[in-house]
Amino acid sequence: MKKHLVLELLQIIPDGKVISYKTLSLIFNLHPREIANILKNNNQQDIYPCYKVVNSDWSVWGYNLWVKEKIKRLADEGIYLRDGKVPRENFWRPELFNFFVWFPLDFKNQEKFESATRKLDAHIPPEAATIQLKSPHVTLRFFGKMSIQRFHTIIDKTIKNFKLNQHLTDTFEEIWDFEGRVWFWQPPKTNFDQREKIYQLYHKAIDYRPEQRPYYPHLTALRAKEEFQQYKDTALEIMKNYSFEINTQRLTFYAALDNIYQVPLIEVELS
């Protein structure tokens, strides 16, 4: 499960930058040798640029197309070695922040969500609303800024807690908005009490202060702008034809890397 996430992160390394095996191992909570093994077995080097991963002392070796080819590919990108090492100005040590946990949708719900958002997108102009066409999910918890080590501790505690507690299945069918700016589906309010009890257990289990406001799980459909009011009835008419049965059997843990948001770091199957 982690292999594809490691490879996909290589695609967002900025031009003219390299990253170290050690930095990748910290991000994904893997031993550097595991990172090296994933890259060793990468047979799509033109898609996943593993030549941009170097040693923690910024020396260059360990490329499955041979070191000379690695040096050539780095040079093609404007990265030239000095005394056999990558210069400091080419280091990429991304700052991680905006850590959060969400439940991704399964294939059936993903298709349904895409159908709903395509219809919304076809009937509501971009100057009136931003439609949530990508990354449909139900957010469990947003953590903001913390150390990567702290985040991995929370990941471990989250997995243990959810494996000990009963998984939830909710029907997201009621339409609500937050201050008229964000429109979403959420479960009936009758389900909130039980869910909030479970989430309070979650916050206690991860030893982290819960949100001050009550947590209401929701599936965002659109973010409204000032011109949205004249399209509101159309949006509601489309949204009311959809409902989603969401089972919390799988968690994805995300962070922002520098100015790149919603980068998946860990995926966990809870069943």
Protein backbone atom coordinates (compact mmCIF):
# COMPACT_ATOMS: atom_id res chain seq x y z
CA MET A 1 0.00 0.00 0.00
CA LYS A 2 2.86 2.40 0.81
CA LYS A 3 4.81 1.62 -2.36
CA HIS A 4 2.62 3.62 -4.71
CA LEU A 5 2.45 6.54 -2.26
CA VAL A 6 6.26 6.75 -2.13
CA LEU A 7 6.49 6.66 -5.93
CA GLU A 8 3.74 9.25 -6.35
CA LEU A 9 5.51 11.64 -3.99
CA LEU A 10 8.53 11.59 -6.33
CA GLN A 11 6.34 13.26 -8.96
CA ILE A 12 5.91 16.40 -6.84
CA ILE A 13 9.60 17.00 -6.05
CA PRO A 14 10.21 20.51 -7.45
CA ASP A 15 12.30 20.94 -10.58
CA GLY A 16 15.97 21.32 -9.78
CA LYS A 17 15.60 19.67 -6.36
CA VAL A 18 16.45 16.28 -4.87
CA ILE A 19 15.33 14.56 -1.69
CA SER A 20 17.20 12.09 0.54
CA TYR A 21 16.31 8.52 1.45
CA LYS A 22 16.32 9.65 5.10
CA THR A 23 13.76 12.42 4.49
CA LEU A 24 11.48 9.98 2.66
CA SER A 25 11.86 7.46 5.49
CA LEU A 26 10.74 10.11 8.01
CA ILE A 27 7.75 11.15 5.91
CA PHE A 28 6.48 7.58 5.40
CA ASN A 29 7.75 6.10 8.68
CA LEU A 30 9.77 3.48 6.80
CA HIS A 31 13.38 2.37 7.18
CA PRO A 32 15.65 3.94 4.55
CA ARG A 33 16.38 0.44 3.24
CA GLU A 34 12.65 -0.04 2.57
CA ILE A 35 12.63 3.22 0.61
CA ALA A 36 15.69 2.04 -1.33
CA ASN A 37 14.00 -1.30 -2.09
CA ILE A 38 10.85 0.43 -3.41
CA LEU A 39 12.96 2.61 -5.71
CA LYS A 40 15.11 -0.34 -6.78
CA ASN A 41 11.99 -2.08 -8.09
CA ASN A 42 10.65 0.99 -9.89
CA ASN A 43 10.49 0.05 -13.57
CA GLN A 44 8.77 3.28 -14.66
CA GLN A 45 11.65 5.69 -14.18
CA ASP A 46 10.26 8.21 -16.67
CA ILE A 47 7.02 8.42 -14.68
CA TYR A 48 8.43 8.16 -11.15
CA PRO A 49 11.78 10.03 -11.09
CA CYS A 50 13.71 8.01 -8.53
CA TYR A 51 16.96 9.56 -9.79
CA LYS A 52 15.95 12.57 -7.64
CA VAL A 53 16.53 10.55 -4.44
CA VAL A 54 20.07 10.64 -3.02
CA ASN A 55 21.94 9.67 0.13
CA SER A 56 21.55 11.60 3.38
CA ASP A 57 25.06 13.04 2.87
CA TRP A 58 23.83 14.15 -0.60
CA SER A 59 26.17 11.82 -2.47
CA VAL A 60 24.80 9.92 -5.48
CA TRP A 61 24.54 6.17 -5.87
CA GLY A 62 21.96 3.38 -5.96
CA TYR A 63 20.08 3.85 -9.24
CA ASN A 64 18.62 0.87 -11.05
CA LEU A 65 19.67 2.34 -14.42
CA TRP A 66 23.25 2.79 -13.12
CA VAL A 67 24.85 5.77 -11.44
CA LYS A 68 26.11 7.39 -14.67
CA GLU A 69 22.53 7.56 -15.94
CA LYS A 70 21.42 9.05 -12.60
CA ILE A 71 24.08 11.78 -12.86
CA LYS A 72 23.06 12.45 -16.48
CA ARG A 73 19.37 12.79 -15.57
CA LEU A 74 20.23 15.14 -12.72
CA ALA A 75 22.34 17.24 -15.07
CA ASP A 76 19.50 17.35 -17.61
CA GLU A 77 17.48 19.00 -14.84
CA GLY A 78 20.24 21.51 -14.07
CA ILE A 79 21.62 19.67 -11.02
CA TYR A 80 25.41 19.38 -11.26
CA LEU A 81 27.49 17.55 -8.66
CA ARG A 82 30.29 19.22 -6.72
CA ASP A 83 32.91 16.84 -5.36
CA GLY A 84 30.51 13.97 -6.05
CA LYS A 85 27.64 15.50 -4.08
CA VAL A 86 24.50 17.48 -4.81
CA PRO A 87 24.96 21.19 -3.95
CA ARG A 88 23.06 22.58 -0.97
CA GLU A 89 20.87 24.81 -3.15
CA ASN A 90 19.38 21.68 -4.75
CA PHE A 91 18.32 20.05 -1.45
CA TRP A 92 14.58 19.64 -0.86
CA ARG A 93 13.62 19.36 2.80
CA PRO A 94 9.87 19.97 2.62
CA GLU A 95 8.06 21.52 5.56
CA LEU A 96 5.11 19.32 6.53
CA PHE A 97 1.93 20.83 7.96
CA ASN A 98 -1.87 20.62 7.65
CA PHE A 99 -1.96 17.01 8.79
CA PHE A 100 -5.39 15.40 8.65
CA VAL A 101 -7.18 12.08 8.53
CA TRP A 102 -10.09 11.19 6.28
CA PHE A 103 -12.26 8.32 5.10
CA PRO A 104 -12.01 7.98 1.32
CA LEU A 105 -15.05 6.84 -0.65
CA ASP A 106 -15.22 3.34 -2.07
CA PHE A 107 -15.61 2.84 -5.82
CA LYS A 108 -19.42 2.78 -5.80
CA ASN A 109 -19.73 5.99 -3.77
CA GLN A 110 -16.94 7.61 -5.77
CA GLU A 111 -18.89 7.02 -9.00
CA LYS A 112 -22.06 8.40 -7.43
CA PHE A 113 -20.22 11.45 -6.11
CA GLU A 114 -18.66 12.13 -9.51
CA SER A 115 -22.08 11.89 -11.14
CA ALA A 116 -23.54 14.42 -8.68
CA THR A 117 -20.65 16.87 -8.98
CA ARG A 118 -20.63 16.65 -12.78
CA LYS A 119 -24.29 17.67 -12.79
CA LEU A 120 -23.59 20.50 -10.37
CA ASP A 121 -20.67 21.63 -12.50
CA ALA A 122 -22.85 21.59 -15.63
CA HIS A 123 -25.55 23.79 -14.09
CA ILE A 124 -23.57 26.18 -11.88
CA PRO A 125 -20.98 28.52 -13.45
CA PRO A 126 -17.50 28.77 -11.88
CA GLU A 127 -18.08 32.39 -10.86
CA ALA A 128 -20.92 31.18 -8.59
CA ALA A 129 -19.35 28.13 -6.94
CA THR A 130 -16.35 25.84 -6.83
CA ILE A 131 -17.53 22.26 -7.26
CA GLN A 132 -15.73 19.58 -5.22
CA LEU A 133 -14.84 17.44 -8.23
CA LYS A 134 -11.70 15.85 -6.77
CA SER A 135 -10.81 13.96 -3.59
CA PRO A 136 -14.27 13.29 -2.15
CA HIS A 137 -13.88 12.30 1.48
CA VAL A 138 -15.23 12.51 5.00
CA THR A 139 -12.77 14.28 7.28
CA LEU A 140 -12.09 12.64 10.63
CA ARG A 141 -9.67 15.17 12.12
CA PHE A 142 -7.54 18.14 11.07
CA PHE A 143 -4.33 18.66 13.04
CA GLY A 144 -2.65 21.72 11.53
CA LYS A 145 1.07 21.96 12.24
CA MET A 146 3.09 19.42 14.23
CA SER A 147 6.22 17.32 13.89
CA ILE A 148 6.18 14.37 11.51
CA GLN A 149 7.15 12.12 14.45
CA ARG A 150 4.08 13.32 16.40
CA PHE A 151 1.86 12.68 13.41
CA HIS A 152 3.09 9.09 13.06
CA THR A 153 2.38 8.54 16.77
CA ILE A 154 -1.19 9.71 16.12
CA ILE A 155 -1.41 7.36 13.12
CA ASP A 156 -0.39 4.39 15.29
CA LYS A 157 -2.89 5.30 18.00
CA THR A 158 -5.65 5.90 15.45
CA ILE A 159 -5.19 2.46 13.90
CA LYS A 160 -5.23 0.74 17.29
CA ASN A 161 -8.29 2.68 18.45
CA PHE A 162 -10.36 2.02 15.34
CA LYS A 163 -9.50 -1.65 15.31
CA LEU A 164 -10.76 -1.91 18.89
CA ASN A 165 -13.99 0.01 18.28
CA GLN A 166 -16.94 -0.82 16.10
CA HIS A 167 -16.75 0.60 12.59
CA LEU A 168 -19.43 3.00 11.53
CA THR A 169 -21.66 3.03 8.49
CA ASP A 170 -23.61 6.22 7.88
CA THR A 171 -26.05 7.33 5.23
CA PHE A 172 -25.09 10.80 4.04
CA GLU A 173 -28.36 12.12 2.67
CA GLU A 174 -29.37 15.33 4.46
CA ILE A 175 -28.26 18.57 2.80
CA TRP A 176 -26.77 21.28 4.97
CA ASP A 177 -24.58 24.34 4.62
CA PHE A 178 -22.03 26.12 6.74
CA GLU A 179 -22.77 29.86 6.80
CA GLY A 180 -24.02 29.58 3.23
CA ARG A 181 -20.44 29.10 2.02
CA VAL A 182 -19.99 25.31 2.01
CA TRP A 183 -22.75 22.92 0.93
CA PHE A 184 -22.57 19.25 1.85
CA TRP A 185 -24.34 15.98 2.57
CA GLN A 186 -24.32 14.68 6.13
CA PRO A 187 -25.99 11.90 8.12
CA PRO A 188 -29.35 12.53 9.82
CA LYS A 189 -28.92 14.42 13.09
CA THR A 190 -30.34 11.42 14.96
CA ASN A 191 -27.00 9.67 14.27
CA PHE A 192 -24.84 12.41 15.74
CA ASP A 193 -25.01 11.47 19.41
CA GLN A 194 -23.62 7.97 18.92
CA ARG A 195 -20.99 9.15 16.46
CA GLU A 196 -19.82 11.96 18.74
CA LYS A 197 -19.35 9.50 21.60
CA ILE A 198 -17.09 7.41 19.40
CA TYR A 199 -15.14 10.45 18.24
CA GLN A 200 -14.65 11.63 21.82
CA LEU A 201 -13.15 8.20 22.51
CA TYR A 202 -10.94 8.72 19.49
CA HIS A 203 -9.62 12.08 20.72
CA LYS A 204 -8.96 10.59 24.14
CA ALA A 205 -7.20 7.58 22.65
CA ILE A 206 -4.81 9.69 20.59
CA ASP A 207 -4.20 12.01 23.56
CA TYR A 208 -5.07 15.07 21.53
CA ARG A 209 -7.36 17.97 22.40
CA PRO A 210 -10.67 17.61 20.53
CA GLU A 211 -12.13 20.41 18.48
CA GLN A 212 -13.98 23.06 20.50
CA ARG A 213 -17.02 22.77 18.24
CA PRO A 214 -18.91 19.45 17.83
CA TYR A 215 -17.69 17.26 15.00
CA TYR A 216 -20.28 16.65 12.30
CA PRO A 217 -19.06 14.38 9.52
CA HIS A 218 -19.87 15.72 6.09
CA LEU A 219 -19.25 15.14 2.39
CA THR A 220 -18.61 18.48 0.70
CA ALA A 221 -20.33 19.15 -2.62
CA LEU A 222 -19.42 22.77 -3.37
CA ARG A 223 -18.01 26.01 -2.02
CA ALA A 224 -20.34 28.90 -2.76
CA LYS A 225 -19.35 32.39 -3.90
CA GLU A 226 -21.35 35.61 -3.75
CA GLU A 227 -23.17 34.86 -7.02
CA PHE A 228 -24.34 31.43 -5.79
CA GLN A 229 -27.69 32.57 -4.35
CA GLN A 230 -29.50 32.53 -7.70
CA TYR A 231 -28.33 28.94 -8.31
CA LYS A 232 -29.07 27.59 -4.83
CA ASP A 233 -32.42 25.94 -5.71
CA THR A 234 -30.84 24.21 -8.71
CA ALA A 235 -28.02 22.88 -6.55
CA LEU A 236 -30.43 21.59 -3.90
CA GLU A 237 -32.57 19.89 -6.54
CA ILE A 238 -29.53 18.01 -7.84
CA MET A 239 -28.10 17.15 -4.41
CA LYS A 240 -31.35 15.76 -2.98
CA ASN A 241 -31.30 12.97 -5.60
CA TYR A 242 -28.13 11.50 -4.09
CA SER A 243 -27.28 9.67 -0.89
CA PHE A 244 -24.13 7.83 0.16
CA GLU A 245 -23.64 4.77 2.36
CA ILE A 246 -20.16 5.32 3.80
CA ASN A 247 -18.34 2.68 5.80
CA THR A 248 -15.31 3.72 7.80
CA GLN A 249 -13.20 0.67 6.97
CA ARG A 250 -10.32 2.60 5.45
CA LEU A 251 -8.37 5.65 6.56
CA THR A 252 -5.99 7.88 4.64
CA PHE A 253 -3.55 10.21 6.40
CA TYR A 254 -2.53 13.37 4.55
CA ALA A 255 -0.23 16.36 4.92
CA ALA A 256 0.82 19.44 3.00
CA LEU A 257 4.43 19.52 1.78
CA ASP A 258 5.57 23.13 1.41
CA ASN A 259 2.90 24.62 -0.89
CA ILE A 260 1.65 21.25 -2.16
CA TYR A 261 -1.57 20.30 -0.36
CA GLN A 262 -3.34 16.99 0.27
CA VAL A 263 -0.39 14.66 -0.25
CA PRO A 264 -1.34 11.12 0.88
CA LEU A 265 1.21 9.60 3.27
CA ILE A 266 -0.42 6.50 4.74
CA GLU A 267 -3.39 4.32 3.78
CA VAL A 268 -4.78 1.84 6.28
CA GLU A 269 -7.34 -0.93 5.85
CA LEU A 270 -9.10 -1.32 9.23
CA SER A 271 -10.95 -4.55 8.53
